[in-house]
Amino acid sequence: MTSKLTFALIFFASSFLTSLTSYSQTQLSGANSTPDYSLQECINYALEHNISLRQSELAIENSLVQLNQAKGNILPTLNGQYSLNSNFGRNVDPFSNNIVTQAIGTNSLGVGASMLLYNGYRLKNTVERSNLDLEAAKMDLQAQRNNISLQVAVAYLNVLSAQDMIEVSQKNLEVTRLQLSRTSKLVEAGSLPETNMFNLNAQLANDELNLVNTQNQYQGALLTLKQAMNLTDSRPFSVSRIDVPDPGVQPYPENTETVYEAAMNYLPEIKASEIREQMAEKNIQIANSVGIPSVRANLNWGSAYSSAAKNLVQDGFNTTTVTATTVFEGQTVPFTVDFQEPAFNRENIPYFSQLGNNQNVNAGISIQIPIFNGYNKKYQVQAAKIQQLQTELNTENTKIGIRQSIDQAYINMLNGAKSYSANLVQVDALEKAFAAAESSYSAGASNFVDYNLAKTNLDRALATLIQAKYDYIFRMKILDFYQNKPLQF
């Protein structure tokens, strides 16, 4: 946050001083059909078209994908398998285990389910870490949006101050013209020397040049605003002319402690840093789970088919005659015996019958116990603890930077109030001095040098007053920004 605010202050300081002295109404550049942009419209356009914001939005989408993936890892897995093979030549029949010399076609299929029951809450902590990462990314996006809104508001203030400055230039030019008209009549009447007209003509040319310069600077202020908005349209562009009220010199209603407490509760930079501290704690828990046993349940079903599988089907009987001999009364007597054996034919087993008969189911629980893994857990835990210390230091550094920025912004606001108050007094005194010098010069009681000096001093004081006014307003808006107050005038 400190670097972003510093950039905004530098941006304001450089562009404010260069573009503060210009103003251009519609009539200065001719008819303009393009509608004027209000401050909120400028901010909305910048937020919609900023490339960095789009990249951050994509980062949020990526974090959301990672979160959904982490949640999906908790769910059971279910996978199917199907294989079809052909074997030629000498093979083993997978059903009879006989050696056969023929082509065999086999087919196997199955479904397996697995679910992690316990692994030291690693998956649970991963989901929580991914959710924290998503929240941190959202806070980063909001911080960017705030910074862009502030930059646009600064550029918008520059345009408004430029409009006020050109109005002053126009009034100065009109005063010189009126004085030249009066002096011309007095010269024609012989009451004043002709050199007074020459001097006023030179002053008129100088005022016209100042007007042209401030108008050019006004165009530069508009360009700066367009660039802050990422507006590339080449059509005429202008902002809504609003009257920023004089800020007054009343004390700022909140002190630095109040502003700082509000900033701690509001600024997304603080929230993002604190969320990343929680992420670091989750990383330690995840690292510790590396050495914890994991338990997984498994369930598998499968079946198979083989073209070599046959059924034996009885087909009648086969008669076998056996010749034998016996001894009867000392003599060998031959005889025959007929045996009947059933005959079988080998028939193919249908495909779906094999699948039904060959089903098998396997259910079990497996436990993986880490014994030694190259000190993987040790180093992961050490790295996670170092990361935790880094996030804590980042949070502390962010808070210190914000506190310093608030203290500096408060001092700048007080100095701005003093400067604005002093400039009010100076302008009031110089207006009276110029009125007296103008009357004296018109009456011929003083010379042009005195008149021109009074006018120049007043012109410079008016320009300085406008600068002090918008500088003071901006300093207060910085403090309002820390308290989540709207950027309104």
Protein backbone atom coordinates (compact mmCIF):
# COMPACT_ATOMS: atom_id res chain seq x y z
CA MET A 1 0.00 0.00 0.00
CA THR A 2 2.87 2.36 0.79
CA SER A 3 4.34 2.14 -2.69
CA LYS A 4 0.93 2.61 -4.28
CA LEU A 5 0.17 5.68 -2.20
CA THR A 6 3.64 7.08 -2.84
CA PHE A 7 3.07 6.68 -6.55
CA ALA A 8 -0.27 8.46 -6.24
CA LEU A 9 1.34 11.36 -4.34
CA ILE A 10 4.17 11.66 -6.86
CA PHE A 11 1.64 11.47 -9.67
CA PHE A 12 -0.34 14.24 -8.04
CA ALA A 13 2.67 16.44 -7.30
CA SER A 14 4.06 16.28 -10.83
CA SER A 15 0.87 16.47 -12.83
CA PHE A 16 -0.87 18.88 -10.48
CA LEU A 17 1.74 21.60 -10.89
CA THR A 18 1.92 21.23 -14.68
CA SER A 19 -1.77 20.95 -15.44
CA LEU A 20 -3.16 23.12 -12.66
CA THR A 21 -3.10 26.28 -14.73
CA SER A 22 -5.59 25.51 -17.52
CA TYR A 23 -9.32 25.45 -18.12
CA SER A 24 -11.46 25.05 -21.18
CA GLN A 25 -15.22 25.22 -21.50
CA THR A 26 -17.19 23.84 -24.43
CA GLN A 27 -17.24 27.21 -26.06
CA LEU A 28 -13.43 27.35 -26.13
CA SER A 29 -13.12 24.47 -28.57
CA GLY A 30 -16.40 24.71 -30.42
CA ALA A 31 -19.45 22.51 -30.25
CA ASN A 32 -18.88 19.18 -28.59
CA SER A 33 -21.46 16.46 -29.00
CA THR A 34 -19.63 14.09 -26.67
CA PRO A 35 -21.32 13.95 -23.25
CA ASP A 36 -19.27 15.11 -20.28
CA TYR A 37 -17.84 12.48 -17.94
CA SER A 38 -18.58 12.72 -14.25
CA LEU A 39 -16.01 11.60 -11.70
CA GLN A 40 -17.83 8.34 -11.07
CA GLU A 41 -18.14 7.69 -14.80
CA CYS A 42 -14.40 8.24 -15.21
CA ILE A 43 -13.66 5.82 -12.37
CA ASN A 44 -16.09 3.21 -13.70
CA TYR A 45 -14.61 3.42 -17.18
CA ALA A 46 -11.07 3.06 -15.80
CA LEU A 47 -12.04 0.03 -13.71
CA GLU A 48 -13.72 -1.60 -16.68
CA HIS A 49 -10.87 -1.08 -19.16
CA ASN A 50 -7.75 -1.45 -17.02
CA ILE A 51 -5.57 -4.31 -18.26
CA SER A 52 -4.00 -5.02 -14.87
CA LEU A 53 -7.44 -5.44 -13.34
CA ARG A 54 -8.40 -7.90 -16.05
CA GLN A 55 -5.26 -9.90 -15.32
CA SER A 56 -6.12 -9.92 -11.62
CA GLU A 57 -9.64 -11.08 -12.42
CA LEU A 58 -8.15 -13.98 -14.40
CA ALA A 59 -5.94 -14.76 -11.41
CA ILE A 60 -9.10 -14.98 -9.28
CA GLU A 61 -10.67 -17.35 -11.79
CA ASN A 62 -7.53 -19.48 -11.67
CA SER A 63 -7.67 -19.55 -7.86
CA LEU A 64 -11.30 -20.64 -8.08
CA VAL A 65 -10.32 -23.47 -10.42
CA GLN A 66 -7.64 -24.60 -7.96
CA LEU A 67 -10.16 -24.49 -5.12
CA ASN A 68 -12.64 -26.63 -7.06
CA GLN A 69 -9.87 -29.05 -7.95
CA ALA A 70 -8.85 -29.33 -4.29
CA LYS A 71 -12.46 -30.08 -3.36
CA GLY A 72 -12.66 -32.67 -6.14
CA ASN A 73 -9.61 -34.50 -4.78
CA ILE A 74 -11.64 -35.43 -1.68
CA LEU A 75 -14.24 -37.31 -3.73
CA PRO A 76 -13.87 -41.05 -4.52
CA THR A 77 -12.36 -42.05 -7.83
CA LEU A 78 -14.13 -44.41 -10.22
CA ASN A 79 -12.39 -45.84 -13.28
CA GLY A 80 -13.29 -48.48 -15.82
CA GLN A 81 -11.02 -50.63 -17.97
CA TYR A 82 -11.65 -52.59 -21.16
CA SER A 83 -9.10 -54.57 -23.14
CA LEU A 84 -9.31 -56.70 -26.31
CA ASN A 85 -6.35 -58.87 -27.36
CA SER A 86 -5.43 -61.51 -29.95
CA ASN A 87 -2.68 -64.09 -29.43
CA PHE A 88 -1.23 -66.31 -32.19
CA GLY A 89 0.94 -69.44 -32.12
CA ARG A 90 1.78 -71.34 -28.98
CA ASN A 91 -0.26 -69.94 -26.11
CA VAL A 92 -1.61 -70.83 -22.72
CA ASP A 93 -5.35 -71.16 -22.47
CA PRO A 94 -6.17 -68.75 -19.61
CA PHE A 95 -9.04 -70.97 -18.45
CA SER A 96 -7.60 -74.51 -18.66
CA ASN A 97 -3.94 -73.51 -18.42
CA ASN A 98 -3.27 -76.01 -21.18
CA ILE A 99 -0.67 -75.35 -23.84
CA VAL A 100 -2.44 -74.80 -27.14
CA THR A 101 -1.25 -73.91 -30.58
CA GLN A 102 -4.00 -71.77 -31.96
CA ALA A 103 -5.14 -68.19 -32.18
CA ILE A 104 -6.79 -67.05 -28.95
CA GLY A 105 -8.88 -63.89 -28.57
CA THR A 106 -9.30 -62.50 -25.07
CA ASN A 107 -11.38 -59.67 -23.65
CA SER A 108 -11.35 -58.29 -20.12
CA LEU A 109 -13.30 -55.47 -18.50
CA GLY A 110 -13.77 -54.08 -15.05
CA VAL A 111 -14.58 -51.12 -12.81
CA GLY A 112 -12.52 -49.95 -9.86
CA ALA A 113 -13.37 -47.44 -7.13
CA SER A 114 -10.99 -45.94 -4.60
CA MET A 115 -11.45 -43.49 -1.76
CA LEU A 116 -8.91 -41.89 0.53
CA LEU A 117 -10.12 -42.31 4.09
CA TYR A 118 -7.35 -40.56 5.98
CA ASN A 119 -4.04 -38.87 5.22
CA GLY A 120 -3.52 -36.52 8.13
CA TYR A 121 -6.19 -34.07 6.87
CA ARG A 122 -3.92 -33.10 4.00
CA LEU A 123 -6.77 -32.79 1.51
CA LYS A 124 -8.93 -30.87 3.97
CA ASN A 125 -6.15 -28.40 4.70
CA THR A 126 -5.42 -28.06 0.98
CA VAL A 127 -9.04 -27.08 0.35
CA GLU A 128 -8.91 -24.50 3.14
CA ARG A 129 -5.61 -23.12 1.82
CA SER A 130 -7.06 -22.83 -1.70
CA ASN A 131 -10.07 -21.01 -0.31
CA LEU A 132 -7.78 -18.57 1.54
CA ASP A 133 -5.78 -18.05 -1.65
CA LEU A 134 -8.98 -17.12 -3.46
CA GLU A 135 -9.91 -14.61 -0.75
CA ALA A 136 -6.42 -13.07 -0.85
CA ALA A 137 -6.67 -12.70 -4.62
CA LYS A 138 -9.99 -10.89 -4.21
CA MET A 139 -8.40 -8.52 -1.70
CA ASP A 140 -5.53 -7.85 -4.11
CA LEU A 141 -8.06 -7.00 -6.80
CA GLN A 142 -9.89 -4.60 -4.49
CA ALA A 143 -6.60 -2.90 -3.59
CA GLN A 144 -5.90 -2.39 -7.29
CA ARG A 145 -9.38 -0.98 -7.81
CA ASN A 146 -8.84 1.48 -4.95
CA ASN A 147 -5.49 2.59 -6.31
CA ILE A 148 -6.89 3.13 -9.82
CA SER A 149 -9.87 5.04 -8.43
CA LEU A 150 -7.51 7.29 -6.48
CA GLN A 151 -5.35 7.95 -9.55
CA VAL A 152 -8.39 8.84 -11.63
CA ALA A 153 -9.68 11.12 -8.87
CA VAL A 154 -6.32 12.93 -8.79
CA ALA A 155 -6.36 13.39 -12.56
CA TYR A 156 -9.95 14.57 -12.38
CA LEU A 157 -9.04 17.12 -9.71
CA ASN A 158 -6.25 18.37 -11.95
CA VAL A 159 -8.74 19.03 -14.72
CA LEU A 160 -11.07 20.86 -12.34
CA SER A 161 -8.24 22.99 -11.03
CA ALA A 162 -7.19 23.70 -14.60
CA GLN A 163 -10.71 24.85 -15.36
CA ASP A 164 -10.56 27.25 -12.42
CA MET A 165 -7.18 28.56 -13.52
CA ILE A 166 -8.33 29.30 -17.05
CA GLU A 167 -11.28 31.17 -15.62
CA VAL A 168 -8.85 33.31 -13.68
CA SER A 169 -6.83 33.89 -16.87
CA GLN A 170 -9.96 34.93 -18.72
CA LYS A 171 -10.90 37.37 -15.97
CA ASN A 172 -7.40 38.83 -15.98
CA LEU A 173 -7.63 39.28 -19.72
CA GLU A 174 -11.00 40.98 -19.38
CA VAL A 175 -9.63 43.35 -16.69
CA THR A 176 -6.77 44.33 -19.00
CA ARG A 177 -9.20 44.92 -21.87
CA LEU A 178 -11.40 47.15 -19.74
CA GLN A 179 -8.40 49.06 -18.49
CA LEU A 180 -7.15 49.45 -22.08
CA SER A 181 -10.55 50.77 -23.13
CA ARG A 182 -10.60 53.37 -20.35
CA THR A 183 -7.00 54.35 -20.95
CA SER A 184 -7.62 54.72 -24.68
CA LYS A 185 -10.38 57.24 -24.00
CA LEU A 186 -8.19 59.16 -21.56
CA VAL A 187 -5.32 59.23 -24.08
CA GLU A 188 -7.64 60.49 -26.81
CA ALA A 189 -8.80 63.20 -24.41
CA GLY A 190 -5.17 64.12 -23.68
CA SER A 191 -5.41 63.20 -20.01
CA LEU A 192 -2.81 60.40 -20.21
CA PRO A 193 0.31 59.93 -22.35
CA GLU A 194 0.18 57.51 -25.28
CA THR A 195 2.80 55.29 -23.65
CA ASN A 196 0.14 54.05 -21.25
CA MET A 197 -1.72 52.52 -24.18
CA PHE A 198 1.47 50.88 -25.45
CA ASN A 199 2.11 49.37 -22.03
CA LEU A 200 -1.46 48.07 -21.74
CA ASN A 201 -1.34 46.61 -25.25
CA ALA A 202 1.79 44.72 -24.22
CA GLN A 203 0.03 43.57 -21.05
CA LEU A 204 -2.96 42.46 -23.14
CA ALA A 205 -0.72 40.40 -25.42
CA ASN A 206 0.92 38.81 -22.37
CA ASP A 207 -2.47 37.93 -20.85
CA GLU A 208 -3.61 36.41 -24.16
CA LEU A 209 -0.44 34.33 -24.28
CA ASN A 210 -1.07 33.13 -20.72
CA LEU A 211 -4.58 32.11 -21.72
CA VAL A 212 -3.31 30.12 -24.69
CA ASN A 213 -0.68 28.43 -22.53
CA THR A 214 -3.20 27.45 -19.89
CA GLN A 215 -5.60 26.14 -22.53
CA ASN A 216 -2.80 23.98 -23.91
CA GLN A 217 -2.03 22.75 -20.42
CA TYR A 218 -5.72 21.96 -19.96
CA GLN A 219 -5.55 19.66 -22.95
CA GLY A 220 -2.57 17.98 -21.30
CA ALA A 221 -4.61 17.51 -18.12
CA LEU A 222 -7.41 15.91 -20.14
CA LEU A 223 -4.90 13.62 -21.81
CA THR A 224 -3.52 12.57 -18.42
CA LEU A 225 -7.04 11.75 -17.27
CA LYS A 226 -7.76 9.77 -20.44
CA GLN A 227 -4.56 7.79 -19.95
CA ALA A 228 -5.50 7.03 -16.35
CA MET A 229 -8.84 5.79 -17.66
CA ASN A 230 -7.28 3.80 -20.55
CA LEU A 231 -9.56 5.78 -22.85
CA THR A 232 -8.27 5.53 -26.42
CA ASP A 233 -11.24 7.13 -28.16
CA SER A 234 -10.06 10.01 -30.34
CA ARG A 235 -13.37 11.86 -30.15
CA PRO A 236 -13.62 15.08 -28.11
CA PHE A 237 -13.49 14.42 -24.39
CA SER A 238 -14.49 16.61 -21.47
CA VAL A 239 -15.51 16.25 -17.85
CA SER A 240 -18.55 17.50 -16.03
CA ARG A 241 -17.95 20.96 -14.67
CA ILE A 242 -18.65 20.84 -10.94
CA ASP A 243 -18.03 23.56 -8.44
CA VAL A 244 -15.72 22.25 -5.77
CA PRO A 245 -16.63 24.21 -2.65
CA ASP A 246 -13.93 26.02 -0.73
CA PRO A 247 -12.65 23.58 1.89
CA GLY A 248 -12.57 26.09 4.72
CA VAL A 249 -9.99 25.90 7.46
CA GLN A 250 -11.85 23.91 10.08
CA PRO A 251 -9.78 21.19 11.79
CA TYR A 252 -9.99 17.72 10.23
CA PRO A 253 -12.59 15.79 12.25
CA GLU A 254 -10.42 12.68 12.85
CA ASN A 255 -6.94 12.35 14.30
CA THR A 256 -4.23 10.00 13.05
CA GLU A 257 -5.15 7.22 15.49
CA THR A 258 -8.76 7.22 14.31
CA VAL A 259 -7.69 7.19 10.68
CA TYR A 260 -5.21 4.36 11.32
CA GLU A 261 -7.78 2.20 13.12
CA ALA A 262 -10.24 2.70 10.28
CA ALA A 263 -7.56 1.80 7.75
CA MET A 264 -6.73 -1.44 9.59
CA ASN A 265 -10.39 -2.47 9.37
CA TYR A 266 -10.88 -1.41 5.76
CA LEU A 267 -7.78 -1.56 3.59
CA PRO A 268 -7.75 -4.75 1.49
CA GLU A 269 -3.93 -4.78 1.60
CA ILE A 270 -4.10 -5.55 5.32
CA LYS A 271 -6.75 -8.22 4.86
CA ALA A 272 -4.80 -9.87 2.03
CA SER A 273 -1.63 -9.94 4.15
CA GLU A 274 -3.44 -11.44 7.14
CA ILE A 275 -5.09 -14.05 4.93
CA ARG A 276 -1.67 -15.09 3.63
CA GLU A 277 -0.55 -15.58 7.22
CA GLN A 278 -3.38 -18.10 7.60
CA MET A 279 -2.28 -19.74 4.35
CA ALA A 280 1.21 -20.14 5.79
CA GLU A 281 -0.24 -21.94 8.82
CA LYS A 282 -2.11 -24.30 6.51
CA ASN A 283 1.13 -24.98 4.61
CA ILE A 284 2.76 -26.09 7.87
CA GLN A 285 -0.13 -28.46 8.59
CA ILE A 286 0.07 -29.84 5.05
CA ALA A 287 3.83 -30.36 5.39
CA ASN A 288 3.37 -32.19 8.70
CA SER A 289 0.92 -34.60 7.07
CA VAL A 290 3.68 -35.93 4.80
CA GLY A 291 4.90 -38.26 7.56
CA ILE A 292 1.44 -39.50 8.59
CA PRO A 293 0.13 -42.90 7.33
CA SER A 294 -2.62 -42.76 4.74
CA VAL A 295 -5.58 -45.14 4.57
CA ARG A 296 -7.38 -45.91 1.32
CA ALA A 297 -10.38 -48.15 0.57
CA ASN A 298 -10.60 -49.99 -2.75
CA LEU A 299 -13.39 -51.87 -4.52
CA ASN A 300 -12.91 -53.59 -7.88
CA TRP A 301 -15.13 -55.68 -10.15
CA GLY A 302 -14.01 -57.51 -13.27
CA SER A 303 -14.75 -60.24 -15.78
CA ALA A 304 -13.13 -61.79 -18.84
CA TYR A 305 -13.75 -63.72 -22.06
CA SER A 306 -11.54 -66.09 -24.08
CA SER A 307 -12.19 -67.66 -27.46
CA ALA A 308 -10.31 -70.76 -26.27
CA ALA A 309 -12.80 -71.49 -23.52
CA LYS A 310 -14.94 -74.59 -24.33
CA ASN A 311 -17.74 -76.56 -22.74
CA LEU A 312 -17.74 -80.42 -22.91
CA VAL A 313 -21.15 -81.69 -24.10
CA GLN A 314 -21.98 -85.47 -23.98
CA ASP A 315 -22.76 -86.95 -27.38
CA GLY A 316 -23.64 -90.70 -26.94
CA PHE A 317 -21.21 -93.41 -25.88
CA ASN A 318 -18.08 -94.95 -27.26
CA THR A 319 -17.57 -98.83 -26.94
CA THR A 320 -14.09 -99.99 -26.15
CA THR A 321 -13.21 -103.78 -26.42
CA VAL A 322 -10.52 -105.04 -24.10
CA THR A 323 -8.88 -108.49 -24.66
CA ALA A 324 -7.66 -110.39 -21.63
CA THR A 325 -6.66 -113.99 -20.60
CA THR A 326 -7.30 -116.18 -17.60
CA VAL A 327 -6.08 -119.56 -16.42
CA PHE A 328 -8.65 -122.32 -16.16
CA GLU A 329 -7.70 -125.87 -15.07
CA GLY A 330 -4.14 -125.21 -15.88
CA GLN A 331 -4.87 -123.76 -19.28
CA THR A 332 -4.74 -120.15 -20.46
CA VAL A 333 -8.10 -119.05 -21.80
CA PRO A 334 -8.46 -115.71 -23.73
CA PHE A 335 -11.63 -113.58 -23.47
CA THR A 336 -12.86 -110.05 -24.37
CA VAL A 337 -14.69 -107.36 -22.40
CA ASP A 338 -16.67 -104.40 -23.91
CA PHE A 339 -16.60 -101.07 -22.04
CA GLN A 340 -18.91 -98.10 -22.83
CA GLU A 341 -17.62 -94.58 -22.19
CA PRO A 342 -19.53 -91.34 -22.69
CA ALA A 343 -18.48 -89.29 -25.73
CA PHE A 344 -18.04 -85.49 -25.44
CA ASN A 345 -17.93 -82.63 -27.93
CA ARG A 346 -16.16 -79.26 -27.22
CA GLU A 347 -18.51 -76.32 -27.78
CA ASN A 348 -17.76 -72.60 -27.57
CA ILE A 349 -19.02 -70.80 -24.48
CA PRO A 350 -21.13 -67.73 -25.43
CA TYR A 351 -19.59 -64.29 -24.78
CA PHE A 352 -22.06 -63.03 -22.18
CA SER A 353 -22.15 -66.40 -20.44
CA GLN A 354 -18.39 -66.18 -19.95
CA LEU A 355 -18.71 -62.63 -18.62
CA GLY A 356 -21.35 -63.79 -16.16
CA ASN A 357 -19.43 -66.86 -15.06
CA ASN A 358 -16.05 -65.14 -14.77
CA GLN A 359 -17.05 -62.21 -12.55
CA ASN A 360 -14.83 -61.38 -9.61
CA VAL A 361 -15.08 -58.73 -6.91
CA ASN A 362 -12.23 -57.43 -4.78
CA ALA A 363 -12.63 -55.17 -1.75
CA GLY A 364 -9.94 -54.07 0.61
CA ILE A 365 -8.23 -51.38 2.61
CA SER A 366 -4.62 -50.37 2.10
CA ILE A 367 -2.40 -48.44 4.50
CA GLN A 368 0.72 -46.64 3.37
CA ILE A 369 3.14 -45.97 6.20
CA PRO A 370 6.00 -43.55 5.51
CA ILE A 371 9.22 -44.91 6.97
CA PHE A 372 11.97 -42.94 5.29
CA ASN A 373 11.57 -40.50 2.42
CA GLY A 374 14.82 -38.58 2.30
CA TYR A 375 13.80 -36.16 5.10
CA ASN A 376 11.07 -34.86 2.81
CA LYS A 377 8.76 -34.00 5.70
CA LYS A 378 11.54 -32.28 7.64
CA TYR A 379 12.49 -29.94 4.82
CA GLN A 380 8.91 -29.22 3.82
CA VAL A 381 8.04 -28.23 7.38
CA GLN A 382 11.14 -26.04 7.62
CA ALA A 383 10.30 -24.29 4.35
CA ALA A 384 6.68 -23.77 5.46
CA LYS A 385 7.80 -22.24 8.77
CA ILE A 386 10.16 -19.87 6.98
CA GLN A 387 7.31 -18.85 4.69
CA GLN A 388 5.15 -18.21 7.75
CA LEU A 389 7.78 -15.88 9.19
CA GLN A 390 7.99 -14.07 5.86
CA THR A 391 4.23 -13.50 5.73
CA GLU A 392 4.24 -12.22 9.31
CA LEU A 393 7.01 -9.78 8.45
CA ASN A 394 5.15 -8.71 5.31
CA THR A 395 2.05 -7.97 7.39
CA GLU A 396 4.06 -6.02 9.94
CA ASN A 397 5.83 -4.09 7.20
CA THR A 398 2.54 -3.28 5.49
CA LYS A 399 1.06 -1.96 8.72
CA ILE A 400 4.15 0.14 9.44
CA GLY A 401 4.11 1.54 5.91
CA ILE A 402 0.44 2.46 6.18
CA ARG A 403 0.99 4.09 9.56
CA GLN A 404 3.85 6.15 8.16
CA SER A 405 1.81 7.11 5.10
CA ILE A 406 -1.11 8.21 7.31
CA ASP A 407 1.18 10.27 9.54
CA GLN A 408 2.72 11.90 6.48
CA ALA A 409 -0.69 12.46 4.88
CA TYR A 410 -1.96 14.06 8.08
CA ILE A 411 1.03 16.43 8.25
CA ASN A 412 0.55 17.27 4.58
CA MET A 413 -3.11 18.02 5.25
CA LEU A 414 -2.25 20.34 8.14
CA ASN A 415 0.36 22.09 6.03
CA GLY A 416 -2.14 22.35 3.19
CA ALA A 417 -4.67 23.94 5.52
CA LYS A 418 -2.12 26.49 6.69
CA SER A 419 -1.05 27.27 3.15
CA TYR A 420 -4.62 27.65 1.97
CA SER A 421 -5.48 29.92 4.90
CA ALA A 422 -2.41 32.09 4.30
CA ASN A 423 -3.20 32.35 0.60
CA LEU A 424 -6.75 33.49 1.38
CA VAL A 425 -5.35 36.35 3.45
CA GLN A 426 -2.80 37.19 0.77
CA VAL A 427 -5.36 37.28 -2.05
CA ASP A 428 -7.68 39.49 0.00
CA ALA A 429 -4.86 41.96 0.65
CA LEU A 430 -3.62 41.95 -2.95
CA GLU A 431 -7.15 42.44 -4.31
CA LYS A 432 -7.45 45.59 -2.24
CA ALA A 433 -3.97 46.71 -3.31
CA PHE A 434 -4.80 46.14 -6.97
CA ALA A 435 -8.09 47.99 -6.69
CA ALA A 436 -6.23 50.97 -5.26
CA ALA A 437 -3.49 50.76 -7.91
CA GLU A 438 -6.07 50.47 -10.69
CA SER A 439 -7.95 53.55 -9.50
CA SER A 440 -4.73 55.50 -9.09
CA TYR A 441 -3.48 54.46 -12.55
CA SER A 442 -6.81 55.31 -14.20
CA ALA A 443 -6.68 58.74 -12.59
CA GLY A 444 -3.10 59.26 -13.81
CA ALA A 445 -1.78 59.44 -10.26
CA SER A 446 0.59 56.45 -10.65
CA ASN A 447 2.65 54.93 -13.41
CA PHE A 448 2.20 51.67 -15.30
CA VAL A 449 4.99 49.94 -13.40
CA ASP A 450 3.07 50.24 -10.12
CA TYR A 451 -0.15 49.13 -11.78
CA ASN A 452 1.48 46.16 -13.52
CA LEU A 453 3.26 45.07 -10.34
CA ALA A 454 0.00 45.08 -8.38
CA LYS A 455 -1.77 43.13 -11.13
CA THR A 456 1.05 40.59 -11.47
CA ASN A 457 1.15 40.01 -7.74
CA LEU A 458 -2.60 39.45 -7.67
CA ASP A 459 -2.51 37.10 -10.66
CA ARG A 460 0.18 34.99 -9.02
CA ALA A 461 -1.65 34.95 -5.72
CA LEU A 462 -4.88 33.82 -7.37
CA ALA A 463 -3.02 31.00 -9.13
CA THR A 464 -1.32 30.00 -5.89
CA LEU A 465 -4.66 30.08 -4.06
CA ILE A 466 -6.26 27.73 -6.55
CA GLN A 467 -3.28 25.41 -6.30
CA ALA A 468 -3.42 25.53 -2.49
CA LYS A 469 -7.17 24.89 -2.56
CA TYR A 470 -6.97 21.71 -4.62
CA ASP A 471 -3.85 20.56 -2.86
CA TYR A 472 -5.62 20.90 0.48
CA ILE A 473 -8.70 19.10 -0.87
CA PHE A 474 -6.56 16.26 -2.19
CA ARG A 475 -4.75 15.90 1.15
CA MET A 476 -8.08 15.53 2.92
CA LYS A 477 -9.29 13.02 0.33
CA ILE A 478 -6.21 10.91 1.01
CA LEU A 479 -7.23 10.69 4.68
CA ASP A 480 -10.83 10.01 3.63
CA PHE A 481 -9.56 7.21 1.39
CA TYR A 482 -7.97 5.44 4.35
CA GLN A 483 -11.37 5.46 6.07
CA ASN A 484 -13.32 4.13 3.08
CA LYS A 485 -15.13 7.41 2.58
CA PRO A 486 -16.47 8.02 -0.95
CA LEU A 487 -14.45 10.10 -3.42
CA GLN A 488 -16.96 12.90 -3.69
CA PHE A 489 -16.66 16.69 -3.74
